[in-house]
Amino acid sequence: MRILGIDPGLRITGYGCIERGGAGEEILIEAGVVRLRPGDSLPRRLCELEADLCALIERLSPDMVCVEKLYSHYRHPTTAITMGHARGVTLLVAERAGVGVSELGATEVKKSLTGNGHAGKAQMQDSVRAQLGLAAAPSPPDVADAIAIALCAVRRCEAAR
């Protein structure tokens, strides 16, 4: 099973593709970020994000795309609205590509990787590094978050079997 984890954003969208190997090991296929120009209009950034995600899905051929669920803190409602635009594009692209879509909450992902549903960015980066045996922690944190989403999703799929 190959899962593409997405940490959506309108400046930086992190992605991480994990595959479950034949011996049950988790293999990082590719990870990185899609960087959007903050000076561009919202419609322009959404178009760029769509094109980049389409290319990623075509190149990586995931069985599933997993995206972080929308979370809104009452003090920062515009953050949720902004993230919602990027999530919407992500869900649309995956659906149009015929790829299954799954959504996971941030606290569930953090708890599954660190044992702490409120782990910080550095703790998540270090946990991803350690669990995949990487030489360095994924950076920026958006990449580690996307890899963590994919790891959690692949483990969840494995547990459901």
C-alpha atoms as a PDB file:
ATOM      1  CA  MET A   1       0.000   0.000   0.000  1.00  0.00           C
ATOM      2  CA  ARG A   2       1.264   3.463  -0.937  1.00  0.00           C
ATOM      3  CA  ILE A   3      -0.125   6.518   0.852  1.00  0.00           C
ATOM      4  CA  LEU A   4       0.474  10.159   0.070  1.00  0.00           C
ATOM      5  CA  GLY A   5       0.142  12.321   3.185  1.00  0.00           C
ATOM      6  CA  ILE A   6      -0.656  15.986   2.687  1.00  0.00           C
ATOM      7  CA  ASP A   7      -0.301  18.845   5.180  1.00  0.00           C
ATOM      8  CA  PRO A   8      -2.222  21.552   3.295  1.00  0.00           C
ATOM      9  CA  GLY A   9      -1.398  25.245   3.330  1.00  0.00           C
ATOM     10  CA  LEU A  10      -1.539  28.268   1.056  1.00  0.00           C
ATOM     11  CA  ARG A  11       2.140  29.163   1.453  1.00  0.00           C
ATOM     12  CA  ILE A  12       3.655  25.738   2.084  1.00  0.00           C
ATOM     13  CA  THR A  13       1.951  22.407   1.522  1.00  0.00           C
ATOM     14  CA  GLY A  14       3.959  19.485   2.844  1.00  0.00           C
ATOM     15  CA  TYR A  15       3.781  16.037   1.302  1.00  0.00           C
ATOM     16  CA  GLY A  16       5.176  12.639   2.173  1.00  0.00           C
ATOM     17  CA  CYS A  17       4.682   9.342   0.387  1.00  0.00           C
ATOM     18  CA  ILE A  18       5.036   6.140   2.430  1.00  0.00           C
ATOM     19  CA  GLU A  19       4.861   2.592   1.159  1.00  0.00           C
ATOM     20  CA  ARG A  20       4.425  -0.561   3.214  1.00  0.00           C
ATOM     21  CA  GLY A  21       7.104  -2.954   2.018  1.00  0.00           C
ATOM     22  CA  GLY A  22       6.761  -6.709   1.605  1.00  0.00           C
ATOM     23  CA  ALA A  23       8.392  -7.376   4.966  1.00  0.00           C
ATOM     24  CA  GLY A  24       6.036  -4.891   6.643  1.00  0.00           C
ATOM     25  CA  GLU A  25       8.593  -2.083   6.825  1.00  0.00           C
ATOM     26  CA  GLU A  26       7.584   1.503   6.116  1.00  0.00           C
ATOM     27  CA  ILE A  27       9.524   3.035   3.258  1.00  0.00           C
ATOM     28  CA  LEU A  28       9.700   6.754   2.555  1.00  0.00           C
ATOM     29  CA  ILE A  29       9.299   7.098  -1.208  1.00  0.00           C
ATOM     30  CA  GLU A  30       9.451  10.880  -1.445  1.00  0.00           C
ATOM     31  CA  ALA A  31       8.779  13.949   0.663  1.00  0.00           C
ATOM     32  CA  GLY A  32       8.910  17.674   0.149  1.00  0.00           C
ATOM     33  CA  VAL A  33       6.924  20.846  -0.097  1.00  0.00           C
ATOM     34  CA  VAL A  34       4.877  22.719  -2.618  1.00  0.00           C
ATOM     35  CA  ARG A  35       5.737  26.398  -2.160  1.00  0.00           C
ATOM     36  CA  LEU A  36       3.202  28.963  -3.245  1.00  0.00           C
ATOM     37  CA  ARG A  37       4.018  32.653  -3.661  1.00  0.00           C
ATOM     38  CA  PRO A  38       2.325  34.611  -0.859  1.00  0.00           C
ATOM     39  CA  GLY A  39       2.093  37.705  -3.086  1.00  0.00           C
ATOM     40  CA  ASP A  40      -0.047  35.885  -5.645  1.00  0.00           C
ATOM     41  CA  SER A  41      -3.818  36.099  -5.483  1.00  0.00           C
ATOM     42  CA  LEU A  42      -5.732  33.343  -3.722  1.00  0.00           C
ATOM     43  CA  PRO A  43      -7.165  31.989  -7.006  1.00  0.00           C
ATOM     44  CA  ARG A  44      -3.661  31.902  -8.543  1.00  0.00           C
ATOM     45  CA  ARG A  45      -2.236  29.994  -5.551  1.00  0.00           C
ATOM     46  CA  LEU A  46      -5.121  27.502  -5.642  1.00  0.00           C
ATOM     47  CA  CYS A  47      -4.497  26.883  -9.358  1.00  0.00           C
ATOM     48  CA  GLU A  48      -0.779  26.347  -8.714  1.00  0.00           C
ATOM     49  CA  LEU A  49      -1.534  23.995  -5.830  1.00  0.00           C
ATOM     50  CA  GLU A  50      -3.919  22.003  -8.005  1.00  0.00           C
ATOM     51  CA  ALA A  51      -1.366  21.637 -10.805  1.00  0.00           C
ATOM     52  CA  ASP A  52       1.400  20.602  -8.407  1.00  0.00           C
ATOM     53  CA  LEU A  53      -0.798  18.064  -6.580  1.00  0.00           C
ATOM     54  CA  CYS A  54      -1.976  16.592  -9.892  1.00  0.00           C
ATOM     55  CA  ALA A  55       1.654  16.113 -10.930  1.00  0.00           C
ATOM     56  CA  LEU A  56       2.517  14.539  -7.547  1.00  0.00           C
ATOM     57  CA  ILE A  57      -0.336  12.047  -7.726  1.00  0.00           C
ATOM     58  CA  GLU A  58       0.500  11.163 -11.313  1.00  0.00           C
ATOM     59  CA  ARG A  59       4.205  10.661 -10.498  1.00  0.00           C
ATOM     60  CA  LEU A  60       3.817   8.817  -7.173  1.00  0.00           C
ATOM     61  CA  SER A  61       0.700   6.742  -7.996  1.00  0.00           C
ATOM     62  CA  PRO A  62      -0.600   6.502  -4.418  1.00  0.00           C
ATOM     63  CA  ASP A  63      -3.361   4.077  -3.457  1.00  0.00           C
ATOM     64  CA  MET A  64      -4.694   6.692  -1.068  1.00  0.00           C
ATOM     65  CA  VAL A  65      -4.287  10.358  -0.236  1.00  0.00           C
ATOM     66  CA  CYS A  66      -4.546  11.216   3.437  1.00  0.00           C
ATOM     67  CA  VAL A  67      -5.045  14.795   4.526  1.00  0.00           C
ATOM     68  CA  GLU A  68      -5.194  16.460   7.908  1.00  0.00           C
ATOM     69  CA  LYS A  69      -8.721  17.190   9.141  1.00  0.00           C
ATOM     70  CA  LEU A  70      -9.705  20.794   9.504  1.00  0.00           C
ATOM     71  CA  TYR A  71      -9.241  22.160  12.986  1.00  0.00           C
ATOM     72  CA  SER A  72     -10.235  25.615  14.087  1.00  0.00           C
ATOM     73  CA  HIS A  73      -9.239  27.390  17.245  1.00  0.00           C
ATOM     74  CA  TYR A  74     -11.789  29.981  18.280  1.00  0.00           C
ATOM     75  CA  ARG A  75      -9.068  32.643  18.480  1.00  0.00           C
ATOM     76  CA  HIS A  76      -7.870  32.008  14.904  1.00  0.00           C
ATOM     77  CA  PRO A  77     -10.898  31.338  12.664  1.00  0.00           C
ATOM     78  CA  THR A  78      -9.223  32.780   9.565  1.00  0.00           C
ATOM     79  CA  THR A  79      -6.486  30.129   9.795  1.00  0.00           C
ATOM     80  CA  ALA A  80      -9.112  27.400   9.421  1.00  0.00           C
ATOM     81  CA  ILE A  81     -10.762  29.201   6.518  1.00  0.00           C
ATOM     82  CA  THR A  82      -7.439  29.641   4.751  1.00  0.00           C
ATOM     83  CA  MET A  83      -6.438  26.014   5.343  1.00  0.00           C
ATOM     84  CA  GLY A  84      -9.892  24.962   4.134  1.00  0.00           C
ATOM     85  CA  HIS A  85      -9.127  26.336   0.674  1.00  0.00           C
ATOM     86  CA  ALA A  86      -5.983  24.203   0.389  1.00  0.00           C
ATOM     87  CA  ARG A  87      -7.774  21.134   1.812  1.00  0.00           C
ATOM     88  CA  GLY A  88     -10.583  21.569  -0.690  1.00  0.00           C
ATOM     89  CA  VAL A  89      -8.157  21.617  -3.605  1.00  0.00           C
ATOM     90  CA  THR A  90      -6.397  18.539  -2.199  1.00  0.00           C
ATOM     91  CA  LEU A  91      -9.645  16.594  -1.831  1.00  0.00           C
ATOM     92  CA  LEU A  92     -10.786  17.639  -5.312  1.00  0.00           C
ATOM     93  CA  VAL A  93      -7.518  16.602  -6.963  1.00  0.00           C
ATOM     94  CA  ALA A  94      -7.491  13.192  -5.247  1.00  0.00           C
ATOM     95  CA  GLU A  95     -11.120  12.515  -6.130  1.00  0.00           C
ATOM     96  CA  ARG A  96     -10.634  13.512  -9.765  1.00  0.00           C
ATOM     97  CA  ALA A  97      -7.593  11.222  -9.950  1.00  0.00           C
ATOM     98  CA  GLY A  98      -9.697   8.328  -8.651  1.00  0.00           C
ATOM     99  CA  VAL A  99      -7.546   7.942  -5.559  1.00  0.00           C
ATOM    100  CA  GLY A 100      -9.135   7.060  -2.218  1.00  0.00           C
ATOM    101  CA  VAL A 101      -9.167   9.818   0.368  1.00  0.00           C
ATOM    102  CA  SER A 102      -8.796   9.561   4.114  1.00  0.00           C
ATOM    103  CA  GLU A 103      -8.742  12.282   6.756  1.00  0.00           C
ATOM    104  CA  LEU A 104      -6.989  12.193  10.126  1.00  0.00           C
ATOM    105  CA  GLY A 105      -7.056  14.634  13.003  1.00  0.00           C
ATOM    106  CA  ALA A 106      -3.797  16.282  14.039  1.00  0.00           C
ATOM    107  CA  THR A 107      -4.042  14.987  17.611  1.00  0.00           C
ATOM    108  CA  GLU A 108      -4.576  11.425  16.371  1.00  0.00           C
ATOM    109  CA  VAL A 109      -1.506  11.652  14.131  1.00  0.00           C
ATOM    110  CA  LYS A 110       0.640  13.157  16.900  1.00  0.00           C
ATOM    111  CA  LYS A 111      -0.489  10.577  19.443  1.00  0.00           C
ATOM    112  CA  SER A 112       0.176   7.677  17.065  1.00  0.00           C
ATOM    113  CA  LEU A 113       3.757   8.798  16.428  1.00  0.00           C
ATOM    114  CA  THR A 114       4.813  10.273  19.764  1.00  0.00           C
ATOM    115  CA  GLY A 115       2.279   9.055  22.316  1.00  0.00           C
ATOM    116  CA  ASN A 116       1.373  12.711  22.915  1.00  0.00           C
ATOM    117  CA  GLY A 117      -1.596  14.215  21.059  1.00  0.00           C
ATOM    118  CA  HIS A 118      -0.204  17.697  21.664  1.00  0.00           C
ATOM    119  CA  ALA A 119       3.395  17.095  20.559  1.00  0.00           C
ATOM    120  CA  GLY A 120       5.264  20.106  19.231  1.00  0.00           C
ATOM    121  CA  LYS A 121       6.799  20.564  15.789  1.00  0.00           C
ATOM    122  CA  ALA A 122      10.326  19.575  16.902  1.00  0.00           C
ATOM    123  CA  GLN A 123       9.057  16.442  18.644  1.00  0.00           C
ATOM    124  CA  MET A 124       7.157  15.416  15.501  1.00  0.00           C
ATOM    125  CA  GLN A 125      10.190  16.020  13.306  1.00  0.00           C
ATOM    126  CA  ASP A 126      12.414  13.959  15.592  1.00  0.00           C
ATOM    127  CA  SER A 127       9.861  11.157  15.858  1.00  0.00           C
ATOM    128  CA  VAL A 128       9.542  10.886  12.077  1.00  0.00           C
ATOM    129  CA  ARG A 129      13.339  10.868  11.750  1.00  0.00           C
ATOM    130  CA  ALA A 130      13.727   8.120  14.351  1.00  0.00           C
ATOM    131  CA  GLN A 131      10.891   5.906  13.107  1.00  0.00           C
ATOM    132  CA  LEU A 132      12.069   5.972   9.506  1.00  0.00           C
ATOM    133  CA  GLY A 133      15.792   5.847  10.350  1.00  0.00           C
ATOM    134  CA  LEU A 134      16.508   9.104   8.532  1.00  0.00           C
ATOM    135  CA  ALA A 135      19.878  10.795   8.886  1.00  0.00           C
ATOM    136  CA  ALA A 136      18.230  14.153   9.638  1.00  0.00           C
ATOM    137  CA  ALA A 137      14.821  15.354  10.753  1.00  0.00           C
ATOM    138  CA  PRO A 138      12.560  16.355   7.864  1.00  0.00           C
ATOM    139  CA  SER A 139      12.445  20.107   7.406  1.00  0.00           C
ATOM    140  CA  PRO A 140      10.479  22.320   7.272  1.00  0.00           C
ATOM    141  CA  PRO A 141       7.992  20.965   9.838  1.00  0.00           C
ATOM    142  CA  ASP A 142       5.285  20.779   7.148  1.00  0.00           C
ATOM    143  CA  VAL A 143       7.209  17.895   5.552  1.00  0.00           C
ATOM    144  CA  ALA A 144       7.446  16.000   8.850  1.00  0.00           C
ATOM    145  CA  ASP A 145       3.728  16.568   9.444  1.00  0.00           C
ATOM    146  CA  ALA A 146       2.854  15.198   6.004  1.00  0.00           C
ATOM    147  CA  ILE A 147       5.078  12.140   6.495  1.00  0.00           C
ATOM    148  CA  ALA A 148       3.490  11.608   9.918  1.00  0.00           C
ATOM    149  CA  ILE A 149       0.022  11.744   8.348  1.00  0.00           C
ATOM    150  CA  ALA A 150       1.055   9.106   5.798  1.00  0.00           C
ATOM    151  CA  LEU A 151       2.667   6.912   8.486  1.00  0.00           C
ATOM    152  CA  CYS A 152      -0.433   7.066  10.671  1.00  0.00           C
ATOM    153  CA  ALA A 153      -2.672   6.260   7.695  1.00  0.00           C
ATOM    154  CA  VAL A 154      -0.573   3.300   6.526  1.00  0.00           C
ATOM    155  CA  ARG A 155      -0.537   1.882  10.059  1.00  0.00           C
ATOM    156  CA  ARG A 156      -4.262   2.382  10.393  1.00  0.00           C
ATOM    157  CA  CYS A 157      -4.865   0.537   7.102  1.00  0.00           C
ATOM    158  CA  GLU A 158      -2.578  -2.283   8.235  1.00  0.00           C
ATOM    159  CA  ALA A 159      -4.419  -2.592  11.566  1.00  0.00           C
ATOM    160  CA  ALA A 160      -7.761  -2.785   9.740  1.00  0.00           C
ATOM    161  CA  ARG A 161      -6.635  -5.863   7.791  1.00  0.00           C
END
